[in-house]
Amino acid sequence: MRSMRYWGFALGIAATLSPMVPALASADVVETKGAFLELLLQTAAVKPDKTGKSPYVDVPTKSVLWGYVHKAIELGLAKSDTAKRFGANDPLTASQAAEIAAKLYHVTLGGTTPLGWAQEQGLLSTGGVLSASQATAFVSNMKRLAEALAAFPGSWTLPPAKREELSEAIQASTSAPYLQMQLSESESFKIELSPALQNKPGAQSQLQTLLNQMSSQFTISAEQMHVGSHLYSVAQATVHTAAGSHSLQEVFDDGVDYLQEDGSSWTNTTQADASLEQSLLQWKGLLTQVTWAGTSNGLDVFRGQLNTNSPAMASALRSVGAVAPGENVSQLLKSIKGTVSVFVDPSNGSPRIAQIQELCSMALSGSSLTQTFGADAQKSIQALQVQVVTKANYQYQTLVPTLPAGLNLANWPSSPGSQGNSTSSNSTGNSTGASTGNATGNSVSGGTGNAPGNATANGTNSTGSSTGNTTANATATGNATGN
């Protein structure tokens, strides 16, 4: 119930008689500060605080409005005109409405004023006194904007048209019937010795040399095809380290998964894998503070930060074994930072993701180092930083994924749009359960099933997966160095 509407009506009449209040474009009543606060908090599902005694003569303690005024003051949304008068009947300007709403929703303004931001977002078209209907429309649109940004938290300055373009590109790319991906990734390590080893001659160089040798680069080439609810995909991955190279191929045949490592025989590794389901939900909340950075070679560039509070991040780390059983994943997430650039091709009126670049780092020290890798880690290492750089390119050509040599599947599609026979005929191979639990296998699986959806997490996955072995080996070397 809008308890201030009758007061607002009286002010609307006064507005037509007084040059002090700008005239409205219609006979609509003038919105008031008190009525707006009540409407805004109700729409945002913020409960009023009815406790205490109102010090304001224009907001009686027993009135409905007092609870909302009291809550607004507690939240720092508004101030009273004087110690004894709140100003509930004051006409509300567009500037005041934008400022109050921006505070409530914690809007990042990007250097502009609240009113300027609201006008850029199409939430307000006037700068004068608001009518009741204009205030209602503004509050409703503000709520819808907040709901739309649930997929990209904190991205308040993203222009409406670009926000729609990015959402359409993600949806179109993650549900594309045909997709090809080329991904490259490299990782590097930097270490800081514990105080006990810092004065040990050669200790720093020995450990850094070990870490350099453990740094790796890997590439993934993947193709996939959707026919209705059926999915067929092929991926090849190669990992290069100082110790040598390791190759892996994975084929997903509409519910049956085959794996080949280093040229060995093909193995049936079929297991439930929800990551192969494509959906915009994979992206929801994964990126935060997304901005439009202009264009590059005809592509729209969007930049954002990895949101380590996103459930998608925790799931990604668990899915690749980066988190040990019983380990507090939130501790690991606190050490991760990442910047993601998404390049969208807006041509032909159907935007799609063309490229994703990610720079991800994880810095561990003190308690986080101990919790993640055990007490022995701090005997040798004071801090460890892992950096992963990932770049993935995408195409959407109408192509049937090419089966690798040596693997013959009776039900594999022979042409675009066709589907094979029942997958029950593909029962060859030994079931090896979780044999794909290595970092490379998981990266290939993520890249194959939903490349655009999971690419932003690949760098993080590799960071988490590789750090355990790296730290363990570095710790052992450090102990040996110290002895």
Protein backbone atom coordinates (compact mmCIF):
# COMPACT_ATOMS: atom_id res chain seq x y z
CA MET A 1 0.00 0.00 0.00
CA ARG A 2 1.36 3.43 -0.94
CA SER A 3 0.70 5.40 2.24
CA MET A 4 2.02 8.67 0.74
CA ARG A 5 -0.23 8.80 -2.35
CA TYR A 6 -2.75 11.28 -0.91
CA TRP A 7 0.02 13.64 0.15
CA GLY A 8 1.52 13.23 -3.30
CA PHE A 9 -1.81 14.17 -4.89
CA ALA A 10 -1.95 17.39 -2.88
CA LEU A 11 1.56 18.25 -3.98
CA GLY A 12 0.58 17.56 -7.57
CA ILE A 13 -2.07 20.26 -7.34
CA ALA A 14 0.39 22.66 -5.75
CA ALA A 15 2.86 21.97 -8.55
CA THR A 16 0.53 23.49 -11.12
CA LEU A 17 0.31 26.70 -9.09
CA SER A 18 3.89 27.19 -7.98
CA PRO A 19 6.85 28.04 -10.25
CA MET A 20 9.14 26.45 -7.62
CA VAL A 21 8.15 22.92 -8.74
CA PRO A 22 8.67 22.00 -12.43
CA ALA A 23 5.40 21.17 -14.18
CA LEU A 24 4.82 17.52 -15.10
CA ALA A 25 4.04 16.48 -18.64
CA SER A 26 0.75 14.90 -17.59
CA ALA A 27 -1.87 15.07 -14.87
CA ASP A 28 0.00 12.34 -12.98
CA VAL A 29 0.64 13.08 -9.30
CA VAL A 30 4.05 14.11 -8.04
CA GLU A 31 6.13 11.41 -6.41
CA THR A 32 7.34 12.12 -2.87
CA LYS A 33 10.47 11.05 -1.06
CA GLY A 34 8.56 8.99 1.49
CA ALA A 35 6.37 7.22 -1.07
CA PHE A 36 9.41 6.39 -3.21
CA LEU A 37 11.34 4.83 -0.32
CA GLU A 38 8.33 2.69 0.55
CA LEU A 39 7.92 1.52 -3.06
CA LEU A 40 11.64 0.91 -3.63
CA LEU A 41 12.14 -1.19 -0.50
CA GLN A 42 8.95 -3.15 -1.08
CA THR A 43 9.96 -3.97 -4.66
CA ALA A 44 13.45 -5.05 -3.55
CA ALA A 45 11.89 -7.24 -0.82
CA VAL A 46 13.62 -5.28 1.95
CA LYS A 47 11.68 -5.62 5.20
CA PRO A 48 10.82 -2.42 7.07
CA ASP A 49 12.17 -1.76 10.56
CA LYS A 50 9.20 -0.79 12.70
CA THR A 51 11.18 -0.64 15.94
CA GLY A 52 11.94 2.52 17.88
CA LYS A 53 10.12 5.84 18.00
CA SER A 54 10.02 8.23 15.09
CA PRO A 55 11.62 11.63 15.82
CA TYR A 56 9.94 13.14 12.77
CA VAL A 57 6.68 15.05 12.94
CA ASP A 58 5.82 14.12 9.35
CA VAL A 59 6.37 10.35 9.88
CA PRO A 60 4.28 9.12 12.85
CA THR A 61 5.66 6.11 14.71
CA LYS A 62 2.47 4.11 14.15
CA SER A 63 2.35 4.84 10.43
CA VAL A 64 3.30 2.23 7.82
CA LEU A 65 5.82 4.67 6.41
CA TRP A 66 7.93 4.80 9.59
CA GLY A 67 9.24 1.25 9.13
CA TYR A 68 10.48 2.06 5.62
CA VAL A 69 11.94 5.44 6.56
CA HIS A 70 13.69 3.86 9.54
CA LYS A 71 15.15 1.11 7.32
CA ALA A 72 16.21 3.57 4.63
CA ILE A 73 18.12 5.63 7.19
CA GLU A 74 19.78 2.49 8.59
CA LEU A 75 20.91 1.53 5.08
CA GLY A 76 22.21 5.03 4.38
CA LEU A 77 19.79 5.53 1.51
CA ALA A 78 18.34 8.87 2.61
CA LYS A 79 18.69 11.65 5.19
CA SER A 80 16.13 13.75 7.01
CA ASP A 81 15.65 17.41 6.16
CA THR A 82 16.04 18.40 9.82
CA ALA A 83 16.31 16.68 13.16
CA LYS A 84 12.53 16.76 13.54
CA ARG A 85 11.31 16.64 9.94
CA PHE A 86 12.20 13.85 7.52
CA GLY A 87 10.76 15.49 4.44
CA ALA A 88 8.41 12.66 3.55
CA ASN A 89 6.27 15.02 1.46
CA ASP A 90 9.19 16.50 -0.50
CA PRO A 91 8.82 16.17 -4.28
CA LEU A 92 11.26 13.54 -5.55
CA THR A 93 13.64 14.44 -8.36
CA ALA A 94 15.11 11.99 -10.84
CA SER A 95 18.57 12.68 -9.44
CA GLN A 96 17.44 11.77 -5.91
CA ALA A 97 15.71 8.59 -7.11
CA ALA A 98 18.81 7.44 -9.01
CA GLU A 99 21.09 8.14 -6.04
CA ILE A 100 18.86 6.25 -3.59
CA ALA A 101 18.46 3.25 -5.90
CA ALA A 102 22.18 3.13 -6.68
CA LYS A 103 22.96 2.93 -2.98
CA LEU A 104 20.40 0.19 -2.35
CA TYR A 105 21.66 -2.01 -5.20
CA HIS A 106 25.37 -1.18 -4.63
CA VAL A 107 25.75 0.06 -8.19
CA THR A 108 29.27 0.56 -9.54
CA LEU A 109 28.89 3.85 -11.39
CA GLY A 110 32.13 3.87 -13.34
CA GLY A 111 32.88 7.52 -12.68
CA THR A 112 29.53 8.96 -13.75
CA THR A 113 26.73 10.38 -11.60
CA PRO A 114 23.81 8.20 -10.48
CA LEU A 115 21.46 10.16 -12.74
CA GLY A 116 23.86 9.98 -15.69
CA TRP A 117 24.20 6.23 -15.19
CA ALA A 118 20.42 5.73 -14.94
CA GLN A 119 19.88 7.71 -18.14
CA GLU A 120 22.59 5.75 -19.98
CA GLN A 121 20.88 2.52 -18.93
CA GLY A 122 17.52 3.80 -20.15
CA LEU A 123 16.04 3.72 -16.64
CA LEU A 124 15.21 7.44 -16.57
CA SER A 125 14.50 9.93 -19.33
CA THR A 126 13.98 13.06 -17.26
CA GLY A 127 16.06 15.08 -14.85
CA GLY A 128 13.31 16.95 -13.04
CA VAL A 129 10.65 16.03 -10.53
CA LEU A 130 9.26 12.54 -11.05
CA SER A 131 5.60 11.66 -11.29
CA ALA A 132 4.27 8.63 -9.45
CA SER A 133 4.06 6.61 -12.67
CA GLN A 134 7.62 7.56 -13.66
CA ALA A 135 8.88 6.53 -10.23
CA THR A 136 7.02 3.21 -10.44
CA ALA A 137 8.45 2.49 -13.89
CA PHE A 138 11.97 3.37 -12.69
CA VAL A 139 11.74 1.06 -9.67
CA SER A 140 10.38 -1.82 -11.80
CA ASN A 141 13.08 -1.37 -14.44
CA MET A 142 15.75 -1.18 -11.74
CA LYS A 143 14.64 -4.52 -10.35
CA ARG A 144 14.61 -6.10 -13.81
CA LEU A 145 18.12 -4.81 -14.46
CA ALA A 146 19.37 -6.27 -11.18
CA GLU A 147 17.84 -9.62 -12.10
CA ALA A 148 19.39 -9.51 -15.57
CA LEU A 149 22.81 -8.85 -14.05
CA ALA A 150 22.62 -12.01 -11.94
CA ALA A 151 24.50 -13.67 -14.81
CA PHE A 152 27.22 -10.98 -14.67
CA PRO A 153 27.31 -9.60 -11.09
CA GLY A 154 28.52 -6.03 -10.69
CA SER A 155 28.37 -5.25 -14.41
CA TRP A 156 26.30 -2.10 -13.91
CA THR A 157 28.04 0.01 -16.56
CA LEU A 158 27.61 -2.53 -19.36
CA PRO A 159 25.41 -0.76 -21.98
CA PRO A 160 21.99 -2.40 -22.38
CA ALA A 161 22.53 -3.26 -26.05
CA LYS A 162 25.94 -4.82 -25.31
CA ARG A 163 24.58 -6.74 -22.33
CA GLU A 164 21.94 -8.24 -24.60
CA GLU A 165 24.55 -8.99 -27.26
CA LEU A 166 26.81 -10.82 -24.81
CA SER A 167 23.92 -12.87 -23.41
CA GLU A 168 22.77 -13.79 -26.92
CA ALA A 169 26.32 -14.75 -27.92
CA ILE A 170 26.75 -17.02 -24.91
CA GLN A 171 23.38 -18.67 -25.49
CA ALA A 172 24.01 -19.15 -29.21
CA SER A 173 27.54 -20.46 -28.73
CA THR A 174 26.80 -22.91 -25.93
CA SER A 175 23.87 -24.36 -27.88
CA ALA A 176 25.44 -24.25 -31.36
CA PRO A 177 24.77 -27.43 -33.38
CA TYR A 178 28.34 -27.36 -34.74
CA LEU A 179 31.42 -26.04 -33.00
CA GLN A 180 35.19 -26.24 -33.46
CA MET A 181 37.69 -25.05 -30.86
CA GLN A 182 41.44 -24.46 -30.82
CA LEU A 183 42.84 -23.82 -27.33
CA SER A 184 46.36 -23.14 -26.15
CA GLU A 185 47.50 -22.76 -22.57
CA SER A 186 50.77 -22.16 -20.76
CA GLU A 187 51.62 -22.07 -17.09
CA SER A 188 54.52 -20.68 -15.10
CA PHE A 189 55.57 -20.66 -11.45
CA LYS A 190 57.31 -18.25 -9.14
CA ILE A 191 58.50 -19.20 -5.68
CA GLU A 192 59.60 -17.40 -2.54
CA LEU A 193 61.68 -19.44 -0.10
CA SER A 194 60.94 -19.82 3.57
CA PRO A 195 63.19 -17.78 5.92
CA ALA A 196 65.09 -20.94 6.83
CA LEU A 197 66.26 -21.39 3.23
CA GLN A 198 66.62 -17.80 2.07
CA ASN A 199 70.29 -17.62 3.12
CA LYS A 200 71.08 -21.07 1.79
CA PRO A 201 73.43 -20.68 -1.22
CA GLY A 202 71.79 -21.83 -4.45
CA ALA A 203 68.49 -22.81 -2.84
CA GLN A 204 66.41 -20.21 -4.68
CA SER A 205 67.91 -21.01 -8.08
CA GLN A 206 67.56 -24.78 -7.55
CA LEU A 207 63.88 -24.55 -6.68
CA GLN A 208 63.12 -22.06 -9.44
CA THR A 209 64.91 -24.30 -11.95
CA LEU A 210 62.73 -27.19 -10.82
CA LEU A 211 59.61 -25.10 -11.22
CA ASN A 212 60.67 -23.96 -14.68
CA GLN A 213 61.11 -27.58 -15.68
CA MET A 214 57.64 -28.38 -14.39
CA SER A 215 56.01 -25.55 -16.34
CA SER A 216 53.90 -26.86 -19.17
CA GLN A 217 52.12 -25.84 -22.33
CA PHE A 218 49.22 -27.70 -23.79
CA THR A 219 46.94 -27.44 -26.76
CA ILE A 220 43.46 -28.75 -27.39
CA SER A 221 41.71 -29.19 -30.71
CA ALA A 222 38.04 -30.12 -30.45
CA GLU A 223 35.02 -30.56 -32.71
CA GLN A 224 31.45 -31.27 -31.75
CA MET A 225 28.06 -31.76 -33.37
CA HIS A 226 24.58 -31.68 -31.87
CA VAL A 227 21.74 -33.52 -33.56
CA GLY A 228 18.65 -32.87 -31.46
CA SER A 229 19.50 -34.30 -28.05
CA HIS A 230 22.41 -36.32 -29.44
CA LEU A 231 26.02 -35.17 -29.02
CA TYR A 232 29.12 -36.29 -30.91
CA SER A 233 32.55 -34.82 -30.25
CA VAL A 234 36.24 -35.43 -30.84
CA ALA A 235 39.15 -33.79 -29.02
CA GLN A 236 42.91 -34.10 -29.14
CA ALA A 237 45.22 -32.68 -26.47
CA THR A 238 48.99 -32.45 -26.25
CA VAL A 239 50.93 -31.47 -23.12
CA HIS A 240 54.55 -30.33 -23.39
CA THR A 241 56.90 -30.21 -20.38
CA ALA A 242 60.65 -30.31 -19.91
CA ALA A 243 60.32 -34.06 -19.30
CA GLY A 244 58.60 -34.68 -22.64
CA SER A 245 55.21 -34.68 -24.27
CA HIS A 246 51.97 -36.44 -23.47
CA SER A 247 49.06 -36.85 -25.88
CA LEU A 248 45.45 -37.72 -25.34
CA GLN A 249 42.43 -38.21 -27.57
CA GLU A 250 38.81 -38.38 -26.45
CA VAL A 251 35.70 -39.25 -28.42
CA PHE A 252 32.18 -38.79 -27.11
CA ASP A 253 29.73 -40.92 -29.06
CA ASP A 254 26.26 -39.89 -27.90
CA GLY A 255 26.61 -41.20 -24.35
CA VAL A 256 29.67 -43.41 -24.78
CA ASP A 257 33.12 -42.01 -24.02
CA TYR A 258 36.38 -43.35 -25.49
CA LEU A 259 39.89 -42.38 -24.44
CA GLN A 260 43.34 -42.97 -25.90
CA GLU A 261 46.53 -41.89 -24.14
CA ASP A 262 49.94 -41.67 -25.84
CA GLY A 263 48.93 -43.86 -28.76
CA SER A 264 47.73 -46.75 -26.60
CA SER A 265 44.59 -48.74 -27.41
CA TRP A 266 41.22 -47.07 -27.12
CA THR A 267 39.41 -47.50 -23.82
CA ASN A 268 35.72 -47.13 -23.03
CA THR A 269 35.60 -44.67 -20.11
CA THR A 270 31.87 -44.02 -20.13
CA GLN A 271 30.64 -42.37 -16.97
CA ALA A 272 28.01 -39.82 -15.98
CA ASP A 273 29.26 -36.38 -16.93
CA ALA A 274 26.87 -33.51 -16.42
CA SER A 275 29.47 -31.11 -17.81
CA LEU A 276 28.48 -32.19 -21.32
CA GLU A 277 25.14 -30.47 -20.89
CA GLN A 278 25.21 -27.06 -22.54
CA SER A 279 23.41 -24.18 -20.93
CA LEU A 280 23.70 -20.51 -20.20
CA LEU A 281 23.69 -21.55 -16.52
CA GLN A 282 27.35 -22.55 -16.91
CA TRP A 283 28.14 -18.85 -17.21
CA LYS A 284 25.78 -17.55 -14.56
CA GLY A 285 27.82 -15.61 -12.04
CA LEU A 286 31.15 -16.87 -13.40
CA LEU A 287 32.23 -13.40 -14.56
CA THR A 288 31.82 -10.19 -12.60
CA GLN A 289 32.33 -6.49 -13.35
CA VAL A 290 32.00 -7.08 -17.08
CA THR A 291 32.59 -4.01 -19.27
CA TRP A 292 32.52 -3.37 -22.98
CA ALA A 293 36.05 -2.53 -24.11
CA GLY A 294 35.26 -1.47 -27.66
CA THR A 295 35.99 -3.36 -30.87
CA SER A 296 39.03 -5.20 -32.23
CA ASN A 297 39.21 -6.46 -35.81
CA GLY A 298 35.45 -6.29 -36.11
CA LEU A 299 34.82 -8.13 -32.84
CA ASP A 300 33.17 -6.65 -29.75
CA VAL A 301 35.44 -7.07 -26.73
CA PHE A 302 34.03 -7.72 -23.25
CA ARG A 303 36.29 -7.86 -20.20
CA GLY A 304 35.49 -9.14 -16.75
CA GLN A 305 36.92 -10.69 -13.61
CA LEU A 306 36.57 -14.29 -12.52
CA ASN A 307 34.02 -14.40 -9.73
CA THR A 308 35.58 -16.68 -7.12
CA ASN A 309 32.32 -16.57 -5.13
CA SER A 310 30.48 -18.27 -7.97
CA PRO A 311 29.33 -21.88 -7.36
CA ALA A 312 30.55 -22.57 -10.91
CA MET A 313 34.13 -21.90 -9.80
CA ALA A 314 33.92 -24.31 -6.88
CA SER A 315 32.37 -26.98 -9.10
CA ALA A 316 35.08 -26.51 -11.71
CA LEU A 317 37.86 -27.01 -9.15
CA ARG A 318 36.21 -30.10 -7.69
CA SER A 319 35.53 -31.63 -11.10
CA VAL A 320 39.24 -31.79 -11.98
CA GLY A 321 40.46 -32.95 -8.60
CA ALA A 322 42.08 -29.62 -7.76
CA VAL A 323 40.54 -29.86 -4.29
CA ALA A 324 41.39 -32.80 -2.07
CA PRO A 325 38.55 -34.64 -0.28
CA GLY A 326 37.59 -32.67 2.81
CA GLU A 327 39.63 -29.63 1.76
CA ASN A 328 38.04 -26.21 2.17
CA VAL A 329 37.52 -25.04 -1.39
CA SER A 330 36.79 -21.47 -0.26
CA GLN A 331 40.37 -21.17 1.00
CA LEU A 332 41.71 -22.07 -2.44
CA LEU A 333 39.28 -19.77 -4.21
CA LYS A 334 40.46 -16.81 -2.14
CA SER A 335 43.92 -17.19 -3.66
CA ILE A 336 42.69 -17.13 -7.28
CA LYS A 337 42.42 -14.05 -9.47
CA GLY A 338 41.58 -13.99 -13.13
CA THR A 339 40.84 -11.57 -15.96
CA VAL A 340 38.78 -12.81 -18.89
CA SER A 341 38.30 -11.22 -22.31
CA VAL A 342 35.42 -12.45 -24.45
CA PHE A 343 35.48 -11.55 -28.15
CA VAL A 344 32.05 -11.60 -29.79
CA ASP A 345 31.36 -11.64 -33.52
CA PRO A 346 28.18 -9.56 -33.95
CA SER A 347 27.92 -10.02 -37.72
CA ASN A 348 24.85 -11.36 -39.53
CA GLY A 349 22.60 -10.28 -36.67
CA SER A 350 23.48 -13.43 -34.71
CA PRO A 351 26.29 -12.74 -32.21
CA ARG A 352 28.57 -15.63 -31.29
CA ILE A 353 31.73 -16.04 -29.25
CA ALA A 354 34.80 -15.97 -31.48
CA GLN A 355 37.56 -16.03 -28.87
CA ILE A 356 38.16 -16.19 -25.13
CA GLN A 357 41.39 -15.09 -23.45
CA GLU A 358 42.13 -15.65 -19.78
CA LEU A 359 44.93 -14.66 -17.44
CA CYS A 360 44.59 -16.55 -14.17
CA SER A 361 46.89 -16.56 -11.16
CA MET A 362 46.91 -18.25 -7.79
CA ALA A 363 49.09 -17.01 -4.93
CA LEU A 364 49.48 -19.22 -1.86
CA SER A 365 51.20 -18.26 1.36
CA GLY A 366 50.89 -18.74 5.10
CA SER A 367 47.79 -20.60 6.24
CA SER A 368 46.48 -21.07 2.70
CA LEU A 369 49.71 -22.82 1.73
CA THR A 370 49.52 -25.04 4.80
CA GLN A 371 45.84 -25.86 4.41
CA THR A 372 46.18 -26.68 0.75
CA PHE A 373 49.41 -28.68 0.78
CA GLY A 374 50.18 -29.55 4.40
CA ALA A 375 52.53 -28.25 7.08
CA ASP A 376 55.69 -29.46 5.32
CA ALA A 377 55.17 -26.96 2.52
CA GLN A 378 56.10 -24.00 4.74
CA LYS A 379 59.39 -25.61 5.69
CA SER A 380 60.67 -24.78 2.22
CA ILE A 381 58.22 -22.34 0.67
CA GLN A 382 56.99 -19.01 1.98
CA ALA A 383 54.87 -18.20 -1.06
CA LEU A 384 54.04 -19.83 -4.37
CA GLN A 385 52.47 -18.13 -7.38
CA VAL A 386 51.08 -19.98 -10.37
CA GLN A 387 50.09 -18.13 -13.53
CA VAL A 388 48.09 -19.63 -16.40
CA VAL A 389 47.46 -17.97 -19.76
CA THR A 390 44.69 -19.44 -21.93
CA LYS A 391 43.46 -18.56 -25.42
CA ALA A 392 40.62 -20.34 -27.20
CA ASN A 393 39.31 -19.68 -30.72
CA TYR A 394 35.89 -20.86 -31.91
CA GLN A 395 34.29 -21.56 -35.27
CA TYR A 396 30.82 -22.84 -36.13
CA GLN A 397 31.22 -24.60 -39.47
CA THR A 398 28.76 -27.29 -40.46
CA LEU A 399 31.17 -30.20 -40.10
CA VAL A 400 30.87 -33.75 -38.78
CA PRO A 401 33.66 -34.37 -36.21
CA THR A 402 36.38 -36.51 -37.75
CA LEU A 403 37.02 -39.82 -36.00
CA PRO A 404 40.71 -40.49 -35.17
CA ALA A 405 42.46 -43.27 -37.03
CA GLY A 406 42.03 -46.66 -35.41
CA LEU A 407 38.60 -46.02 -33.91
CA ASN A 408 35.65 -47.35 -35.87
CA LEU A 409 32.17 -46.63 -34.53
CA ALA A 410 29.19 -48.07 -36.34
CA ASN A 411 26.80 -45.37 -35.26
CA TRP A 412 28.98 -42.34 -35.98
CA PRO A 413 27.14 -39.76 -38.15
CA SER A 414 28.08 -39.82 -41.80
CA SER A 415 26.82 -36.36 -42.72
CA PRO A 416 25.77 -33.10 -41.03
CA GLY A 417 22.39 -33.37 -39.36
CA SER A 418 22.34 -37.16 -39.37
CA GLN A 419 22.62 -39.37 -36.32
CA GLY A 420 23.92 -42.87 -35.85
CA ASN A 421 22.29 -46.04 -34.67
CA SER A 422 21.68 -47.00 -31.07
CA THR A 423 24.73 -46.49 -28.93
CA SER A 424 24.22 -49.94 -27.43
CA SER A 425 26.35 -51.36 -30.25
CA ASN A 426 29.33 -49.38 -29.01
CA SER A 427 30.13 -51.55 -26.03
CA THR A 428 33.70 -52.37 -26.93
CA GLY A 429 36.49 -51.46 -24.62
CA ASN A 430 37.16 -51.95 -20.95
CA SER A 431 35.41 -49.82 -18.38
CA THR A 432 38.01 -47.89 -16.48
CA GLY A 433 35.76 -45.63 -14.44
CA ALA A 434 37.68 -42.60 -13.28
CA SER A 435 40.76 -43.14 -15.44
CA THR A 436 40.17 -39.75 -17.02
CA GLY A 437 40.73 -38.03 -13.69
CA ASN A 438 43.99 -36.46 -14.81
CA ALA A 439 44.14 -32.76 -15.56
CA THR A 440 44.56 -33.23 -19.29
CA GLY A 441 41.61 -35.57 -19.59
CA ASN A 442 39.36 -33.19 -17.71
CA SER A 443 40.49 -30.26 -19.76
CA VAL A 444 39.67 -32.14 -22.95
CA SER A 445 36.30 -33.23 -21.65
CA GLY A 446 35.41 -29.71 -20.60
CA GLY A 447 36.61 -28.32 -23.91
CA THR A 448 34.75 -30.92 -25.93
CA GLY A 449 31.39 -30.87 -24.24
CA ASN A 450 30.87 -27.16 -23.84
CA ALA A 451 33.90 -25.27 -25.00
CA PRO A 452 32.53 -21.73 -24.68
CA GLY A 453 30.84 -22.46 -21.39
CA ASN A 454 33.90 -23.88 -19.65
CA ALA A 455 36.79 -22.10 -21.32
CA THR A 456 36.88 -19.42 -18.65
CA ALA A 457 37.40 -22.09 -16.01
CA ASN A 458 40.04 -24.10 -17.86
CA GLY A 459 42.90 -21.88 -16.73
CA THR A 460 41.72 -22.07 -13.14
CA ASN A 461 41.33 -25.83 -13.35
CA SER A 462 44.85 -26.26 -14.66
CA THR A 463 46.16 -23.91 -11.99
CA GLY A 464 44.56 -25.88 -9.22
CA SER A 465 45.39 -29.27 -10.71
CA SER A 466 49.06 -28.58 -11.30
CA THR A 467 49.86 -26.77 -8.08
CA GLY A 468 49.54 -29.79 -5.84
CA ASN A 469 52.24 -31.79 -7.63
CA THR A 470 54.38 -28.73 -8.14
CA THR A 471 54.34 -27.80 -4.47
CA ALA A 472 54.92 -31.33 -3.33
CA ASN A 473 57.95 -31.73 -5.57
CA ALA A 474 59.28 -28.28 -4.76
CA THR A 475 58.86 -28.96 -1.06
CA ALA A 476 60.79 -32.18 -1.34
CA THR A 477 63.56 -30.44 -3.22
CA GLY A 478 63.56 -27.65 -0.67
CA ASN A 479 63.92 -30.09 2.18
CA ALA A 480 66.79 -31.76 0.42
CA THR A 481 68.37 -28.40 -0.22
CA GLY A 482 68.09 -27.46 3.39
CA ASN A 483 69.70 -30.64 4.64
